[in-house]
Amino acid sequence: MWILLLLVACAAATAASARLCLAGVAAAGGVPGERRAQDAVELGLYETAFLAGGPRRVTDTALVALAGERRVLLAHTGWVTVIAPEDRGGLDGPADLTEVERSLLASAGPDGQAPLAAIRAAHAGTEAVRALAERLVTAGLGVPAAARERLAAGVRQVRGATGLTLAMAVATVALNGSVRASDGTPALLWYVLPLLLTGTCWAVARVEVYPYTRWAATAGQEALREIPRDASPLSDLAARGPRTLRDPEIRTLLRQARPATRSAISRRRPV
């Protein structure tokens, strides 16, 4: 009986690990057939931000850039306020801003004020951010959305296979007690093999997939490595995240902001 349980655990671990490995290879490769176009894409500030951290990093970088120009106010309460009324024109706003920045201002709503989490969610779905992602994918620098979904599903399946293996080990003990194999080896030791397989794949995924592979293909990761440190505060933010910011209040705000809740949105807005 315990051999049947072990075979189930091994089969699940093998299938999950194989799926994760194949998804990781596909995600790292980007779009091979279109990689010749990558030279046509200039790796600017927001392209760098997307490859390093996806739509959220793009939004954070644009917010800090606009805050530096005194166009928005980042309050310690987690609210974002568009300062100048003329900047609330959304996509028809100031011509000196990029499409990403204009779409971010529009994400604050007609009142020009919204929680940071709500702006992140709204800005991620704008046409400007989607177009940015499509350009990077077409150039072979970014990972297609379908490949990211397969990769995430592979990680979930590996976690599930790990849990199933542990459950089979517990069932072996419950049904058979201290059963041993024909060579005298305790049966539980055989479960180390599928656990080692899933655990190794899970660990490799954490190292290799996070934080770049989710958004950047191999070519995109190489481009990110070429970005010099301390090039500028905004470049460091785009490539390496909020931890590079010198302002402790903004750094804490960007790192700790959570999705908005109904109670938070219904509170009286700060003046």
Protein backbone atom coordinates (compact mmCIF):
# COMPACT_ATOMS: atom_id res chain seq x y z
CA MET A 1 0.00 0.00 0.00
CA TRP A 2 2.74 2.44 0.90
CA ILE A 3 4.42 1.87 -2.46
CA LEU A 4 1.27 3.04 -4.23
CA LEU A 5 1.21 6.20 -2.11
CA LEU A 6 4.87 6.80 -2.88
CA LEU A 7 4.28 6.40 -6.61
CA VAL A 8 1.47 8.96 -6.47
CA ALA A 9 3.77 11.43 -4.69
CA CYS A 10 6.61 10.82 -7.14
CA ALA A 11 4.36 11.21 -10.17
CA ALA A 12 2.93 14.49 -8.87
CA ALA A 13 6.37 15.85 -7.99
CA THR A 14 7.83 14.91 -11.37
CA ALA A 15 4.94 16.38 -13.36
CA ALA A 16 4.91 19.62 -11.35
CA SER A 17 8.67 20.10 -11.53
CA ALA A 18 8.74 19.42 -15.28
CA ARG A 19 5.93 21.92 -15.86
CA LEU A 20 7.72 24.59 -13.85
CA CYS A 21 11.02 24.03 -15.64
CA LEU A 22 9.40 24.23 -19.08
CA ALA A 23 7.50 27.37 -18.11
CA GLY A 24 10.68 28.97 -16.77
CA VAL A 25 12.59 28.24 -19.97
CA ALA A 26 9.75 29.64 -22.09
CA ALA A 27 9.48 32.78 -19.94
CA ALA A 28 13.21 33.45 -20.00
CA GLY A 29 13.29 33.13 -23.77
CA GLY A 30 10.70 35.84 -24.49
CA VAL A 31 9.50 35.81 -28.12
CA PRO A 32 12.34 34.20 -30.12
CA GLY A 33 10.85 34.92 -33.52
CA GLU A 34 10.71 38.65 -32.92
CA ARG A 35 13.90 39.22 -31.02
CA ARG A 36 15.49 41.04 -33.96
CA ALA A 37 13.28 44.02 -33.16
CA GLN A 38 14.80 44.59 -29.72
CA ASP A 39 17.31 47.15 -31.04
CA ALA A 40 14.35 49.35 -32.05
CA VAL A 41 13.27 49.77 -28.42
CA GLU A 42 15.16 52.31 -26.37
CA LEU A 43 15.46 51.22 -22.76
CA GLY A 44 14.26 54.42 -21.17
CA LEU A 45 13.14 55.13 -17.63
CA TYR A 46 9.73 53.47 -17.81
CA GLU A 47 10.92 50.58 -19.97
CA THR A 48 13.51 49.87 -17.29
CA ALA A 49 10.87 50.12 -14.58
CA PHE A 50 8.57 47.65 -16.33
CA LEU A 51 11.27 45.06 -16.94
CA ALA A 52 12.46 45.29 -13.34
CA GLY A 53 9.14 45.43 -11.53
CA GLY A 54 6.19 45.45 -13.88
CA PRO A 55 3.29 47.96 -13.89
CA ARG A 56 3.65 48.68 -10.18
CA ARG A 57 7.27 49.82 -10.60
CA VAL A 58 6.23 51.94 -13.59
CA THR A 59 3.59 53.67 -11.47
CA ASP A 60 5.94 54.23 -8.54
CA THR A 61 8.64 55.67 -10.81
CA ALA A 62 6.20 58.01 -12.51
CA LEU A 63 4.81 59.13 -9.16
CA VAL A 64 8.25 60.00 -7.80
CA ALA A 65 9.13 61.80 -11.04
CA LEU A 66 5.93 63.87 -10.90
CA ALA A 67 6.39 64.54 -7.18
CA GLY A 68 9.87 65.87 -7.92
CA GLU A 69 8.32 68.29 -10.41
CA ARG A 70 5.73 69.39 -7.81
CA ARG A 71 2.88 68.04 -9.91
CA VAL A 72 1.64 65.52 -7.34
CA LEU A 73 1.78 65.29 -3.57
CA LEU A 74 2.52 61.94 -1.90
CA ALA A 75 1.02 62.11 1.58
CA HIS A 76 2.23 59.87 4.39
CA THR A 77 -1.40 58.71 4.75
CA GLY A 78 -1.11 56.88 1.44
CA TRP A 79 -3.07 59.37 -0.64
CA VAL A 80 -1.89 60.90 -3.89
CA THR A 81 -3.05 64.40 -4.85
CA VAL A 82 -2.62 66.11 -8.21
CA ILE A 83 -1.54 69.61 -7.24
CA ALA A 84 -2.19 71.72 -10.35
CA PRO A 85 -5.78 71.78 -11.68
CA GLU A 86 -4.52 71.93 -15.28
CA ASP A 87 -2.79 68.57 -14.75
CA ARG A 88 -6.14 66.85 -14.18
CA GLY A 89 -6.88 66.79 -17.88
CA GLY A 90 -5.77 63.18 -18.09
CA LEU A 91 -4.57 62.08 -21.50
CA ASP A 92 -5.21 65.60 -22.81
CA GLY A 93 -3.02 67.08 -20.10
CA PRO A 94 0.33 68.87 -20.36
CA ALA A 95 2.27 68.10 -23.53
CA ASP A 96 5.59 68.10 -21.67
CA LEU A 97 4.68 64.82 -19.96
CA THR A 98 4.98 61.31 -21.35
CA GLU A 99 1.94 59.14 -22.05
CA VAL A 100 2.75 57.09 -18.96
CA GLU A 101 2.76 60.20 -16.78
CA ARG A 102 -0.42 61.64 -18.28
CA SER A 103 -2.22 58.33 -17.82
CA LEU A 104 -1.09 58.26 -14.20
CA LEU A 105 -2.55 61.73 -13.57
CA ALA A 106 -5.79 60.54 -15.15
CA SER A 107 -5.77 57.52 -12.81
CA ALA A 108 -6.25 59.90 -9.86
CA GLY A 109 -9.80 60.55 -11.07
CA PRO A 110 -11.63 63.80 -11.83
CA ASP A 111 -10.99 65.10 -8.31
CA GLY A 112 -7.26 64.56 -8.70
CA GLN A 113 -7.00 62.57 -5.50
CA ALA A 114 -6.98 58.84 -4.71
CA PRO A 115 -5.21 56.24 -2.53
CA LEU A 116 -1.88 55.01 -3.84
CA ALA A 117 -3.14 51.43 -4.07
CA ALA A 118 -6.12 52.52 -6.18
CA ILE A 119 -3.89 54.52 -8.51
CA ARG A 120 -1.57 51.54 -8.95
CA ALA A 121 -4.49 49.31 -9.89
CA ALA A 122 -6.01 51.85 -12.29
CA HIS A 123 -2.70 52.80 -13.90
CA ALA A 124 -1.73 49.17 -14.53
CA GLY A 125 -4.76 48.81 -16.80
CA THR A 126 -4.22 51.95 -18.86
CA GLU A 127 -3.47 51.83 -22.56
CA ALA A 128 -0.10 53.53 -21.99
CA VAL A 129 1.15 50.76 -19.71
CA ARG A 130 -0.25 48.02 -21.95
CA ALA A 131 1.43 49.55 -24.99
CA LEU A 132 4.70 49.77 -23.08
CA ALA A 133 4.47 46.07 -22.21
CA GLU A 134 3.64 45.10 -25.79
CA ARG A 135 6.64 46.98 -27.18
CA LEU A 136 8.98 45.20 -24.79
CA VAL A 137 7.48 41.78 -25.53
CA THR A 138 7.67 42.36 -29.29
CA ALA A 139 11.32 43.36 -28.93
CA GLY A 140 12.12 40.14 -27.09
CA LEU A 141 12.93 42.01 -23.86
CA GLY A 142 9.72 41.30 -21.95
CA VAL A 143 7.88 38.12 -21.00
CA PRO A 144 4.46 37.62 -22.63
CA ALA A 145 1.48 37.57 -20.27
CA ALA A 146 0.65 33.97 -21.21
CA ALA A 147 4.17 32.85 -20.28
CA ARG A 148 3.92 34.65 -16.92
CA GLU A 149 0.63 32.89 -16.22
CA ARG A 150 2.11 29.49 -17.05
CA LEU A 151 5.06 30.23 -14.80
CA ALA A 152 2.81 31.21 -11.90
CA ALA A 153 0.71 28.08 -12.45
CA GLY A 154 3.89 25.98 -12.42
CA VAL A 155 4.94 27.44 -9.07
CA ARG A 156 1.49 26.73 -7.63
CA GLN A 157 1.61 23.17 -8.90
CA VAL A 158 5.02 22.60 -7.30
CA ARG A 159 3.66 23.88 -3.99
CA GLY A 160 0.68 21.57 -4.36
CA ALA A 161 2.92 18.59 -5.15
CA THR A 162 4.96 19.33 -2.04
CA GLY A 163 1.84 19.33 0.09
CA LEU A 164 0.61 16.12 -1.56
CA THR A 165 3.94 14.40 -0.86
CA LEU A 166 3.75 15.34 2.80
CA ALA A 167 0.15 14.09 2.92
CA MET A 168 1.18 10.76 1.37
CA ALA A 169 3.96 10.44 3.95
CA VAL A 170 1.51 11.04 6.78
CA ALA A 171 -0.91 8.53 5.24
CA THR A 172 1.89 5.98 5.03
CA VAL A 173 2.56 6.31 8.74
CA ALA A 174 -1.15 6.24 9.60
CA LEU A 175 -1.94 3.17 7.51
CA ASN A 176 1.22 1.16 7.87
CA GLY A 177 2.94 2.36 11.00
CA SER A 178 6.70 1.92 10.90
CA VAL A 179 6.69 -0.04 7.65
CA ARG A 180 10.02 -0.76 6.00
CA ALA A 181 11.10 -1.49 2.46
CA SER A 182 12.45 -4.89 1.42
CA ASP A 183 16.01 -3.79 2.20
CA GLY A 184 15.04 -2.66 5.70
CA THR A 185 15.00 1.06 4.89
CA PRO A 186 12.15 2.99 6.60
CA ALA A 187 9.49 3.80 4.02
CA LEU A 188 9.40 7.45 5.02
CA LEU A 189 12.96 7.92 3.77
CA TRP A 190 11.75 7.27 0.21
CA TYR A 191 9.58 10.38 0.40
CA VAL A 192 12.76 12.44 0.62
CA LEU A 193 13.21 11.96 -3.13
CA PRO A 194 10.00 13.73 -4.30
CA LEU A 195 10.39 16.33 -1.54
CA LEU A 196 13.93 17.03 -2.67
CA LEU A 197 12.77 17.40 -6.27
CA THR A 198 9.94 19.82 -5.52
CA GLY A 199 11.93 21.70 -2.89
CA THR A 200 14.85 22.22 -5.27
CA CYS A 201 12.60 23.43 -8.08
CA TRP A 202 10.80 25.75 -5.68
CA ALA A 203 14.09 27.19 -4.42
CA VAL A 204 15.46 27.67 -7.94
CA ALA A 205 12.23 29.40 -8.94
CA ARG A 206 12.58 31.83 -6.04
CA VAL A 207 16.14 32.66 -7.06
CA GLU A 208 15.80 32.68 -10.84
CA VAL A 209 12.21 33.80 -11.34
CA TYR A 210 12.09 36.53 -8.72
CA PRO A 211 12.33 39.44 -9.21
CA TYR A 212 13.18 39.80 -12.92
CA THR A 213 12.07 36.76 -14.88
CA ARG A 214 8.41 37.52 -14.24
CA TRP A 215 8.68 40.62 -16.44
CA ALA A 216 12.04 40.48 -18.23
CA ALA A 217 13.19 37.80 -20.66
CA THR A 218 16.86 36.84 -20.85
CA ALA A 219 17.65 39.78 -23.15
CA GLY A 220 15.78 42.12 -20.83
CA GLN A 221 17.66 40.85 -17.78
CA GLU A 222 20.95 41.44 -19.56
CA ALA A 223 19.88 44.98 -20.37
CA LEU A 224 18.98 45.58 -16.72
CA ARG A 225 22.41 44.37 -15.58
CA GLU A 226 24.07 46.93 -17.83
CA ILE A 227 22.36 49.85 -16.08
CA PRO A 228 25.00 51.53 -13.87
CA ARG A 229 24.28 52.10 -10.22
CA ASP A 230 23.78 55.67 -9.02
CA ALA A 231 23.09 56.86 -12.57
CA SER A 232 20.28 59.00 -11.12
CA PRO A 233 17.76 58.59 -8.31
CA LEU A 234 14.95 57.86 -10.76
CA SER A 235 17.03 55.33 -12.70
CA ASP A 236 17.94 53.57 -9.46
CA LEU A 237 14.27 53.50 -8.45
CA ALA A 238 13.23 52.10 -11.82
CA ALA A 239 15.89 49.39 -11.87
CA ARG A 240 16.19 48.48 -8.19
CA GLY A 241 13.05 49.59 -6.42
CA PRO A 242 12.02 51.91 -3.58
CA ARG A 243 14.88 50.78 -1.33
CA THR A 244 17.19 53.10 -3.30
CA LEU A 245 15.20 56.24 -2.41
CA ARG A 246 16.86 58.61 0.01
CA ASP A 247 13.61 60.07 1.35
CA PRO A 248 12.58 57.67 4.15
CA GLU A 249 8.91 58.72 4.10
CA ILE A 250 8.43 58.07 0.38
CA ARG A 251 10.50 54.89 0.60
CA THR A 252 8.29 53.57 3.39
CA LEU A 253 5.11 54.66 1.62
CA LEU A 254 5.97 52.87 -1.63
CA ARG A 255 7.16 49.70 0.10
CA GLN A 256 4.27 49.35 2.55
CA ALA A 257 1.26 50.48 0.53
CA ARG A 258 -1.44 47.82 0.35
CA PRO A 259 -4.55 47.43 -1.83
CA ALA A 260 -7.23 49.92 -0.92
CA THR A 261 -10.24 48.78 1.10
CA ARG A 262 -13.75 50.17 1.05
CA SER A 263 -13.33 51.58 4.54
CA ALA A 264 -10.15 53.38 3.54
CA ILE A 265 -11.73 54.85 0.42
CA SER A 266 -14.81 55.99 2.31
CA ARG A 267 -12.83 57.92 4.89
CA ARG A 268 -12.70 61.66 4.63
CA ARG A 269 -10.04 62.67 2.16
CA PRO A 270 -7.09 64.61 3.51
CA VAL A 271 -6.97 68.30 2.82
